[in-house]
Amino acid sequence: MATDYDTPRTTQDDSDADSIDELKAQRPDHQSPVIDEDEIEAADGFELPGADLSGEEIQVRILPAQADEFTCASCFLVRHRSQIARQAGALAYCSDCEG
């Protein structure tokens, strides 16, 4: 027996579905403006691990640009010279920005 897949499918759930007006009538008219105090206390007491870094001092050793590196004029990332896609004067652009 051939099945016509273009015909709309109907299930028993579709036939028992309430109309929009019935659903709106069942919904409460307004939401309570009262905030649950337990939620506020839980949010205030919740702290992500490692979130407070205000007292930390970061020490990073910065290396000067190497002879085989360039700084992309578009994304400003330091790349290896093999990734140069285009040069316009003194400006070089990486293959990710030009790709």
PDB file of N, CA and C in Angstrom:
ATOM      1  N   MET A   1       0.843  -1.164   0.000  1.00  0.00           N
ATOM      2  CA  MET A   1       0.000   0.000   0.000  1.00  0.00           C
ATOM      3  C   MET A   1       0.900   1.243   0.000  1.00  0.00           C
ATOM      4  N   ALA A   2       0.613   2.166  -0.880  1.00  0.00           N
ATOM      5  CA  ALA A   2       1.411   3.388  -1.007  1.00  0.00           C
ATOM      6  C   ALA A   2       0.974   4.397   0.046  1.00  0.00           C
ATOM      7  N   THR A   3       1.947   5.153   0.558  1.00  0.00           N
ATOM      8  CA  THR A   3       1.666   6.172   1.575  1.00  0.00           C
ATOM      9  C   THR A   3       1.870   7.538   0.955  1.00  0.00           C
ATOM     10  N   ASP A   4       0.895   8.403   1.138  1.00  0.00           N
ATOM     11  CA  ASP A   4       1.005   9.774   0.637  1.00  0.00           C
ATOM     12  C   ASP A   4       1.605  10.632   1.753  1.00  0.00           C
ATOM     13  N   TYR A   5       2.881  11.013   1.572  1.00  0.00           N
ATOM     14  CA  TYR A   5       3.582  11.764   2.609  1.00  0.00           C
ATOM     15  C   TYR A   5       3.231  13.252   2.605  1.00  0.00           C
ATOM     16  N   ASP A   6       2.504  13.705   1.594  1.00  0.00           N
ATOM     17  CA  ASP A   6       2.130  15.122   1.526  1.00  0.00           C
ATOM     18  C   ASP A   6       0.874  15.437   2.324  1.00  0.00           C
ATOM     19  N   THR A   7       0.105  14.446   2.712  1.00  0.00           N
ATOM     20  CA  THR A   7      -1.111  14.711   3.473  1.00  0.00           C
ATOM     21  C   THR A   7      -0.755  15.051   4.908  1.00  0.00           C
ATOM     22  N   PRO A   8      -1.482  15.995   5.522  1.00  0.00           N
ATOM     23  CA  PRO A   8      -1.191  16.336   6.922  1.00  0.00           C
ATOM     24  C   PRO A   8      -1.475  15.157   7.840  1.00  0.00           C
ATOM     25  N   ARG A   9      -0.601  14.981   8.791  1.00  0.00           N
ATOM     26  CA  ARG A   9      -0.767  13.893   9.748  1.00  0.00           C
ATOM     27  C   ARG A   9      -1.592  14.385  10.929  1.00  0.00           C
ATOM     28  N   THR A  10      -2.475  13.567  11.376  1.00  0.00           N
ATOM     29  CA  THR A  10      -3.269  13.894  12.564  1.00  0.00           C
ATOM     30  C   THR A  10      -3.094  12.778  13.568  1.00  0.00           C
ATOM     31  N   THR A  11      -2.902  13.184  14.801  1.00  0.00           N
ATOM     32  CA  THR A  11      -2.797  12.208  15.883  1.00  0.00           C
ATOM     33  C   THR A  11      -3.897  12.513  16.879  1.00  0.00           C
ATOM     34  N   GLN A  12      -4.043  11.637  17.825  1.00  0.00           N
ATOM     35  CA  GLN A  12      -5.067  11.851  18.828  1.00  0.00           C
ATOM     36  C   GLN A  12      -4.728  13.047  19.703  1.00  0.00           C
ATOM     37  N   ASP A  13      -3.437  13.335  19.877  1.00  0.00           N
ATOM     38  CA  ASP A  13      -3.025  14.486  20.669  1.00  0.00           C
ATOM     39  C   ASP A  13      -3.485  15.779  20.021  1.00  0.00           C
ATOM     40  N   ASP A  14      -3.438  15.828  18.689  1.00  0.00           N
ATOM     41  CA  ASP A  14      -3.870  17.029  17.983  1.00  0.00           C
ATOM     42  C   ASP A  14      -5.365  17.270  18.149  1.00  0.00           C
ATOM     43  N   SER A  15      -6.128  16.218  18.123  1.00  0.00           N
ATOM     44  CA  SER A  15      -7.574  16.391  18.218  1.00  0.00           C
ATOM     45  C   SER A  15      -8.007  16.770  19.639  1.00  0.00           C
ATOM     46  N   ASP A  16      -7.210  16.384  20.643  1.00  0.00           N
ATOM     47  CA  ASP A  16      -7.559  16.690  22.029  1.00  0.00           C
ATOM     48  C   ASP A  16      -6.984  18.027  22.502  1.00  0.00           C
ATOM     49  N   ALA A  17      -6.232  18.720  21.664  1.00  0.00           N
ATOM     50  CA  ALA A  17      -5.575  19.955  22.081  1.00  0.00           C
ATOM     51  C   ALA A  17      -6.614  21.039  22.383  1.00  0.00           C
ATOM     52  N   ASP A  18      -6.327  21.811  23.426  1.00  0.00           N
ATOM     53  CA  ASP A  18      -7.217  22.901  23.798  1.00  0.00           C
ATOM     54  C   ASP A  18      -7.026  24.074  22.853  1.00  0.00           C
ATOM     55  N   SER A  19      -8.044  24.873  22.705  1.00  0.00           N
ATOM     56  CA  SER A  19      -7.922  26.062  21.883  1.00  0.00           C
ATOM     57  C   SER A  19      -7.147  27.123  22.666  1.00  0.00           C
ATOM     58  N   ILE A  20      -6.709  28.134  21.977  1.00  0.00           N
ATOM     59  CA  ILE A  20      -5.932  29.204  22.618  1.00  0.00           C
ATOM     60  C   ILE A  20      -6.783  29.920  23.664  1.00  0.00           C
ATOM     61  N   ASP A  21      -8.039  30.126  23.364  1.00  0.00           N
ATOM     62  CA  ASP A  21      -8.924  30.812  24.322  1.00  0.00           C
ATOM     63  C   ASP A  21      -9.072  30.007  25.607  1.00  0.00           C
ATOM     64  N   GLU A  22      -9.177  28.685  25.503  1.00  0.00           N
ATOM     65  CA  GLU A  22      -9.294  27.851  26.701  1.00  0.00           C
ATOM     66  C   GLU A  22      -8.009  27.892  27.519  1.00  0.00           C
ATOM     67  N   LEU A  23      -6.876  27.896  26.830  1.00  0.00           N
ATOM     68  CA  LEU A  23      -5.603  27.953  27.539  1.00  0.00           C
ATOM     69  C   LEU A  23      -5.421  29.291  28.249  1.00  0.00           C
ATOM     70  N   LYS A  24      -5.834  30.388  27.595  1.00  0.00           N
ATOM     71  CA  LYS A  24      -5.733  31.705  28.217  1.00  0.00           C
ATOM     72  C   LYS A  24      -6.643  31.811  29.433  1.00  0.00           C
ATOM     73  N   ALA A  25      -7.797  31.165  29.388  1.00  0.00           N
ATOM     74  CA  ALA A  25      -8.724  31.207  30.512  1.00  0.00           C
ATOM     75  C   ALA A  25      -8.162  30.447  31.717  1.00  0.00           C
ATOM     76  N   GLN A  26      -7.377  29.421  31.475  1.00  0.00           N
ATOM     77  CA  GLN A  26      -6.807  28.636  32.568  1.00  0.00           C
ATOM     78  C   GLN A  26      -5.596  29.317  33.200  1.00  0.00           C
ATOM     79  N   ARG A  27      -4.974  30.234  32.486  1.00  0.00           N
ATOM     80  CA  ARG A  27      -3.778  30.910  32.965  1.00  0.00           C
ATOM     81  C   ARG A  27      -4.163  31.992  33.973  1.00  0.00           C
ATOM     82  N   PRO A  28      -3.374  32.164  35.025  1.00  0.00           N
ATOM     83  CA  PRO A  28      -3.673  33.258  35.952  1.00  0.00           C
ATOM     84  C   PRO A  28      -3.479  34.605  35.247  1.00  0.00           C
ATOM     85  N   ASP A  29      -4.283  35.590  35.631  1.00  0.00           N
ATOM     86  CA  ASP A  29      -4.259  36.886  34.958  1.00  0.00           C
ATOM     87  C   ASP A  29      -2.988  37.679  35.219  1.00  0.00           C
ATOM     88  N   HIS A  30      -2.408  37.520  36.364  1.00  0.00           N
ATOM     89  CA  HIS A  30      -1.201  38.281  36.680  1.00  0.00           C
ATOM     90  C   HIS A  30      -0.208  37.392  37.425  1.00  0.00           C
ATOM     91  N   GLN A  31       1.023  37.777  37.336  1.00  0.00           N
ATOM     92  CA  GLN A  31       2.047  37.055  38.069  1.00  0.00           C
ATOM     93  C   GLN A  31       2.329  37.801  39.359  1.00  0.00           C
ATOM     94  N   SER A  32       2.721  37.064  40.339  1.00  0.00           N
ATOM     95  CA  SER A  32       2.976  37.641  41.646  1.00  0.00           C
ATOM     96  C   SER A  32       4.247  38.487  41.606  1.00  0.00           C
ATOM     97  N   PRO A  33       4.196  39.743  42.097  1.00  0.00           N
ATOM     98  CA  PRO A  33       5.401  40.571  42.114  1.00  0.00           C
ATOM     99  C   PRO A  33       6.335  40.233  43.274  1.00  0.00           C
ATOM    100  N   VAL A  34       5.929  39.328  44.146  1.00  0.00           N
ATOM    101  CA  VAL A  34       6.728  38.970  45.310  1.00  0.00           C
ATOM    102  C   VAL A  34       7.885  38.068  44.868  1.00  0.00           C
ATOM    103  N   ILE A  35       9.066  38.415  45.294  1.00  0.00           N
ATOM    104  CA  ILE A  35      10.252  37.625  44.971  1.00  0.00           C
ATOM    105  C   ILE A  35      10.546  36.708  46.140  1.00  0.00           C
ATOM    106  N   ASP A  36      10.844  35.500  45.826  1.00  0.00           N
ATOM    107  CA  ASP A  36      11.160  34.526  46.853  1.00  0.00           C
ATOM    108  C   ASP A  36      12.483  34.908  47.512  1.00  0.00           C
ATOM    109  N   GLU A  37      12.461  35.123  48.801  1.00  0.00           N
ATOM    110  CA  GLU A  37      13.649  35.570  49.533  1.00  0.00           C
ATOM    111  C   GLU A  37      14.761  34.524  49.506  1.00  0.00           C
ATOM    112  N   ASP A  38      14.408  33.257  49.463  1.00  0.00           N
ATOM    113  CA  ASP A  38      15.426  32.210  49.445  1.00  0.00           C
ATOM    114  C   ASP A  38      16.278  32.301  48.184  1.00  0.00           C
ATOM    115  N   GLU A  39      15.668  32.669  47.049  1.00  0.00           N
ATOM    116  CA  GLU A  39      16.419  32.792  45.803  1.00  0.00           C
ATOM    117  C   GLU A  39      17.419  33.937  45.880  1.00  0.00           C
ATOM    118  N   ILE A  40      17.030  35.037  46.506  1.00  0.00           N
ATOM    119  CA  ILE A  40      17.927  36.188  46.642  1.00  0.00           C
ATOM    120  C   ILE A  40      19.114  35.826  47.522  1.00  0.00           C
ATOM    121  N   GLU A  41      18.847  35.160  48.632  1.00  0.00           N
ATOM    122  CA  GLU A  41      19.927  34.758  49.533  1.00  0.00           C
ATOM    123  C   GLU A  41      20.868  33.766  48.848  1.00  0.00           C
ATOM    124  N   ALA A  42      20.316  32.874  48.067  1.00  0.00           N
ATOM    125  CA  ALA A  42      21.151  31.891  47.371  1.00  0.00           C
ATOM    126  C   ALA A  42      22.027  32.584  46.334  1.00  0.00           C
ATOM    127  N   ALA A  43      21.482  33.580  45.645  1.00  0.00           N
ATOM    128  CA  ALA A  43      22.252  34.288  44.617  1.00  0.00           C
ATOM    129  C   ALA A  43      23.350  35.139  45.251  1.00  0.00           C
ATOM    130  N   ASP A  44      23.059  35.762  46.384  1.00  0.00           N
ATOM    131  CA  ASP A  44      24.071  36.581  47.054  1.00  0.00           C
ATOM    132  C   ASP A  44      25.204  35.745  47.615  1.00  0.00           C
ATOM    133  N   GLY A  45      24.904  34.563  48.079  1.00  0.00           N
ATOM    134  CA  GLY A  45      25.913  33.715  48.677  1.00  0.00           C
ATOM    135  C   GLY A  45      26.699  32.899  47.665  1.00  0.00           C
ATOM    136  N   PHE A  46      26.287  32.925  46.414  1.00  0.00           N
ATOM    137  CA  PHE A  46      26.947  32.116  45.386  1.00  0.00           C
ATOM    138  C   PHE A  46      28.117  32.869  44.784  1.00  0.00           C
ATOM    139  N   GLU A  47      29.276  32.260  44.807  1.00  0.00           N
ATOM    140  CA  GLU A  47      30.467  32.891  44.243  1.00  0.00           C
ATOM    141  C   GLU A  47      31.204  31.872  43.395  1.00  0.00           C
ATOM    142  N   LEU A  48      31.558  32.271  42.211  1.00  0.00           N
ATOM    143  CA  LEU A  48      32.287  31.377  41.332  1.00  0.00           C
ATOM    144  C   LEU A  48      33.698  31.168  41.867  1.00  0.00           C
ATOM    145  N   PRO A  49      34.222  29.970  41.724  1.00  0.00           N
ATOM    146  CA  PRO A  49      35.581  29.727  42.213  1.00  0.00           C
ATOM    147  C   PRO A  49      36.593  30.518  41.388  1.00  0.00           C
ATOM    148  N   GLY A  50      37.452  31.224  42.066  1.00  0.00           N
ATOM    149  CA  GLY A  50      38.482  32.004  41.395  1.00  0.00           C
ATOM    150  C   GLY A  50      37.987  33.283  40.763  1.00  0.00           C
ATOM    151  N   ALA A  51      36.796  33.746  41.135  1.00  0.00           N
ATOM    152  CA  ALA A  51      36.219  34.921  40.493  1.00  0.00           C
ATOM    153  C   ALA A  51      36.872  36.214  40.975  1.00  0.00           C
ATOM    154  N   ASP A  52      37.286  36.282  42.226  1.00  0.00           N
ATOM    155  CA  ASP A  52      37.868  37.513  42.749  1.00  0.00           C
ATOM    156  C   ASP A  52      39.380  37.485  42.570  1.00  0.00           C
ATOM    157  N   LEU A  53      39.839  38.149  41.516  1.00  0.00           N
ATOM    158  CA  LEU A  53      41.268  38.208  41.239  1.00  0.00           C
ATOM    159  C   LEU A  53      41.806  39.611  41.443  1.00  0.00           C
ATOM    160  N   SER A  54      41.087  40.441  42.196  1.00  0.00           N
ATOM    161  CA  SER A  54      41.489  41.830  42.361  1.00  0.00           C
ATOM    162  C   SER A  54      42.801  41.971  43.127  1.00  0.00           C
ATOM    163  N   GLY A  55      43.113  41.038  43.984  1.00  0.00           N
ATOM    164  CA  GLY A  55      44.345  41.130  44.758  1.00  0.00           C
ATOM    165  C   GLY A  55      45.525  40.440  44.096  1.00  0.00           C
ATOM    166  N   GLU A  56      45.294  39.833  42.938  1.00  0.00           N
ATOM    167  CA  GLU A  56      46.351  39.085  42.262  1.00  0.00           C
ATOM    168  C   GLU A  56      47.152  39.996  41.331  1.00  0.00           C
ATOM    169  N   GLU A  57      48.413  39.680  41.186  1.00  0.00           N
ATOM    170  CA  GLU A  57      49.277  40.410  40.274  1.00  0.00           C
ATOM    171  C   GLU A  57      49.829  39.410  39.270  1.00  0.00           C
ATOM    172  N   ILE A  58      49.593  39.678  38.001  1.00  0.00           N
ATOM    173  CA  ILE A  58      50.009  38.755  36.955  1.00  0.00           C
ATOM    174  C   ILE A  58      51.406  39.131  36.477  1.00  0.00           C
ATOM    175  N   GLN A  59      52.253  38.140  36.384  1.00  0.00           N
ATOM    176  CA  GLN A  59      53.601  38.367  35.890  1.00  0.00           C
ATOM    177  C   GLN A  59      53.774  37.576  34.602  1.00  0.00           C
ATOM    178  N   VAL A  60      54.008  38.306  33.507  1.00  0.00           N
ATOM    179  CA  VAL A  60      54.174  37.690  32.198  1.00  0.00           C
ATOM    180  C   VAL A  60      55.478  38.163  31.603  1.00  0.00           C
ATOM    181  N   ARG A  61      56.238  37.245  31.087  1.00  0.00           N
ATOM    182  CA  ARG A  61      57.488  37.607  30.415  1.00  0.00           C
ATOM    183  C   ARG A  61      57.171  37.885  28.948  1.00  0.00           C
ATOM    184  N   ILE A  62      57.464  39.078  28.493  1.00  0.00           N
ATOM    185  CA  ILE A  62      57.163  39.472  27.126  1.00  0.00           C
ATOM    186  C   ILE A  62      58.427  39.364  26.299  1.00  0.00           C
ATOM    187  N   LEU A  63      58.316  38.626  25.207  1.00  0.00           N
ATOM    188  CA  LEU A  63      59.444  38.451  24.304  1.00  0.00           C
ATOM    189  C   LEU A  63      59.327  39.433  23.148  1.00  0.00           C
ATOM    190  N   PRO A  64      60.429  39.959  22.660  1.00  0.00           N
ATOM    191  CA  PRO A  64      60.360  40.821  21.474  1.00  0.00           C
ATOM    192  C   PRO A  64      60.022  39.977  20.251  1.00  0.00           C
ATOM    193  N   ALA A  65      59.525  40.640  19.206  1.00  0.00           N
ATOM    194  CA  ALA A  65      59.175  39.935  17.972  1.00  0.00           C
ATOM    195  C   ALA A  65      60.408  39.249  17.397  1.00  0.00           C
ATOM    196  N   GLN A  66      60.230  38.029  16.995  1.00  0.00           N
ATOM    197  CA  GLN A  66      61.327  37.251  16.433  1.00  0.00           C
ATOM    198  C   GLN A  66      61.478  37.586  14.950  1.00  0.00           C
ATOM    199  N   ALA A  67      62.581  37.172  14.373  1.00  0.00           N
ATOM    200  CA  ALA A  67      62.862  37.483  12.965  1.00  0.00           C
ATOM    201  C   ALA A  67      61.886  36.791  12.016  1.00  0.00           C
ATOM    202  N   ASP A  68      61.320  35.646  12.438  1.00  0.00           N
ATOM    203  CA  ASP A  68      60.408  34.908  11.564  1.00  0.00           C
ATOM    204  C   ASP A  68      58.934  35.153  11.912  1.00  0.00           C
ATOM    205  N   GLU A  69      58.638  36.256  12.600  1.00  0.00           N
ATOM    206  CA  GLU A  69      57.270  36.573  12.996  1.00  0.00           C
ATOM    207  C   GLU A  69      56.854  37.922  12.443  1.00  0.00           C
ATOM    208  N   PHE A  70      55.534  38.115  12.352  1.00  0.00           N
ATOM    209  CA  PHE A  70      54.973  39.403  11.961  1.00  0.00           C
ATOM    210  C   PHE A  70      53.692  39.622  12.755  1.00  0.00           C
ATOM    211  N   THR A  71      53.246  40.858  12.833  1.00  0.00           N
ATOM    212  CA  THR A  71      51.982  41.184  13.492  1.00  0.00           C
ATOM    213  C   THR A  71      50.964  41.511  12.422  1.00  0.00           C
ATOM    214  N   CYS A  72      49.851  40.801  12.426  1.00  0.00           N
ATOM    215  CA  CYS A  72      48.798  41.016  11.431  1.00  0.00           C
ATOM    216  C   CYS A  72      48.206  42.406  11.631  1.00  0.00           C
ATOM    217  N   ALA A  73      48.021  43.133  10.532  1.00  0.00           N
ATOM    218  CA  ALA A  73      47.487  44.495  10.597  1.00  0.00           C
ATOM    219  C   ALA A  73      45.982  44.493  10.811  1.00  0.00           C
ATOM    220  N   SER A  74      45.335  43.337  10.715  1.00  0.00           N
ATOM    221  CA  SER A  74      43.887  43.268  10.900  1.00  0.00           C
ATOM    222  C   SER A  74      43.512  42.770  12.305  1.00  0.00           C
ATOM    223  N   CYS A  75      44.047  41.615  12.696  1.00  0.00           N
ATOM    224  CA  CYS A  75      43.683  41.031  14.001  1.00  0.00           C
ATOM    225  C   CYS A  75      44.735  41.319  15.077  1.00  0.00           C
ATOM    226  N   PHE A  76      45.890  41.859  14.683  1.00  0.00           N
ATOM    227  CA  PHE A  76      46.969  42.245  15.597  1.00  0.00           C
ATOM    228  C   PHE A  76      47.563  41.070  16.373  1.00  0.00           C
ATOM    229  N   LEU A  77      47.433  39.869  15.840  1.00  0.00           N
ATOM    230  CA  LEU A  77      48.062  38.702  16.446  1.00  0.00           C
ATOM    231  C   LEU A  77      49.443  38.508  15.847  1.00  0.00           C
ATOM    232  N   VAL A  78      50.366  38.023  16.660  1.00  0.00           N
ATOM    233  CA  VAL A  78      51.710  37.724  16.178  1.00  0.00           C
ATOM    234  C   VAL A  78      51.668  36.344  15.545  1.00  0.00           C
ATOM    235  N   ARG A  79      52.085  36.286  14.286  1.00  0.00           N
ATOM    236  CA  ARG A  79      52.024  35.039  13.520  1.00  0.00           C
ATOM    237  C   ARG A  79      53.396  34.722  12.936  1.00  0.00           C
ATOM    238  N   HIS A  80      53.549  33.467  12.512  1.00  0.00           N
ATOM    239  CA  HIS A  80      54.759  33.059  11.816  1.00  0.00           C
ATOM    240  C   HIS A  80      54.693  33.583  10.383  1.00  0.00           C
ATOM    241  N   ARG A  81      55.843  33.887   9.816  1.00  0.00           N
ATOM    242  CA  ARG A  81      55.891  34.470   8.460  1.00  0.00           C
ATOM    243  C   ARG A  81      55.247  33.569   7.411  1.00  0.00           C
ATOM    244  N   SER A  82      55.156  32.281   7.661  1.00  0.00           N
ATOM    245  CA  SER A  82      54.533  31.376   6.695  1.00  0.00           C
ATOM    246  C   SER A  82      53.025  31.619   6.571  1.00  0.00           C
ATOM    247  N   GLN A  83      52.456  32.384   7.488  1.00  0.00           N
ATOM    248  CA  GLN A  83      51.016  32.649   7.455  1.00  0.00           C
ATOM    249  C   GLN A  83      50.675  33.992   6.816  1.00  0.00           C
ATOM    250  N   ILE A  84      51.627  34.649   6.200  1.00  0.00           N
ATOM    251  CA  ILE A  84      51.340  35.909   5.504  1.00  0.00           C
ATOM    252  C   ILE A  84      50.537  35.594   4.245  1.00  0.00           C
ATOM    253  N   ALA A  85      49.378  36.217   4.132  1.00  0.00           N
ATOM    254  CA  ALA A  85      48.536  36.032   2.957  1.00  0.00           C
ATOM    255  C   ALA A  85      48.665  37.208   1.996  1.00  0.00           C
ATOM    256  N   ARG A  86      48.876  38.409   2.550  1.00  0.00           N
ATOM    257  CA  ARG A  86      48.962  39.600   1.706  1.00  0.00           C
ATOM    258  C   ARG A  86      49.791  40.642   2.416  1.00  0.00           C
ATOM    259  N   GLN A  87      50.590  41.360   1.629  1.00  0.00           N
ATOM    260  CA  GLN A  87      51.356  42.481   2.172  1.00  0.00           C
ATOM    261  C   GLN A  87      51.011  43.722   1.375  1.00  0.00           C
ATOM    262  N   ALA A  88      50.739  44.803   2.100  1.00  0.00           N
ATOM    263  CA  ALA A  88      50.457  46.097   1.478  1.00  0.00           C
ATOM    264  C   ALA A  88      51.424  47.098   2.105  1.00  0.00           C
ATOM    265  N   GLY A  89      52.526  47.316   1.448  1.00  0.00           N
ATOM    266  CA  GLY A  89      53.550  48.202   2.006  1.00  0.00           C
ATOM    267  C   GLY A  89      54.192  47.548   3.209  1.00  0.00           C
ATOM    268  N   ALA A  90      54.137  48.244   4.339  1.00  0.00           N
ATOM    269  CA  ALA A  90      54.715  47.713   5.568  1.00  0.00           C
ATOM    270  C   ALA A  90      53.718  46.860   6.340  1.00  0.00           C
ATOM    271  N   LEU A  91      52.469  46.812   5.893  1.00  0.00           N
ATOM    272  CA  LEU A  91      51.434  46.051   6.592  1.00  0.00           C
ATOM    273  C   LEU A  91      51.335  44.645   6.030  1.00  0.00           C
ATOM    274  N   ALA A  92      51.223  43.681   6.922  1.00  0.00           N
ATOM    275  CA  ALA A  92      51.069  42.283   6.526  1.00  0.00           C
ATOM    276  C   ALA A  92      49.778  41.752   7.127  1.00  0.00           C
ATOM    277  N   TYR A  93      49.083  40.906   6.365  1.00  0.00           N
ATOM    278  CA  TYR A  93      47.816  40.331   6.801  1.00  0.00           C
ATOM    279  C   TYR A  93      47.926  38.811   6.814  1.00  0.00           C
ATOM    280  N   CYS A  94      47.389  38.181   7.868  1.00  0.00           N
ATOM    281  CA  CYS A  94      47.493  36.730   8.006  1.00  0.00           C
ATOM    282  C   CYS A  94      46.460  36.017   7.128  1.00  0.00           C
ATOM    283  N   SER A  95      46.657  34.727   6.948  1.00  0.00           N
ATOM    284  CA  SER A  95      45.764  33.936   6.108  1.00  0.00           C
ATOM    285  C   SER A  95      44.373  33.791   6.738  1.00  0.00           C
ATOM    286  N   ASP A  96      44.252  33.877   8.055  1.00  0.00           N
ATOM    287  CA  ASP A  96      42.938  33.790   8.684  1.00  0.00           C
ATOM    288  C   ASP A  96      42.105  35.036   8.367  1.00  0.00           C
ATOM    289  N   CYS A  97      42.714  36.200   8.370  1.00  0.00           N
ATOM    290  CA  CYS A  97      41.978  37.442   8.094  1.00  0.00           C
ATOM    291  C   CYS A  97      41.671  37.583   6.604  1.00  0.00           C
ATOM    292  N   GLU A  98      42.526  37.082   5.764  1.00  0.00           N
ATOM    293  CA  GLU A  98      42.351  37.204   4.317  1.00  0.00           C
ATOM    294  C   GLU A  98      41.560  36.041   3.734  1.00  0.00           C
ATOM    295  N   GLY A  99      41.388  34.976   4.513  1.00  0.00           N
ATOM    296  CA  GLY A  99      40.753  33.754   4.022  1.00  0.00           C
ATOM    297  C   GLY A  99      39.312  33.870   3.970  1.00  0.00           C
TER     298      GLY A  99
END
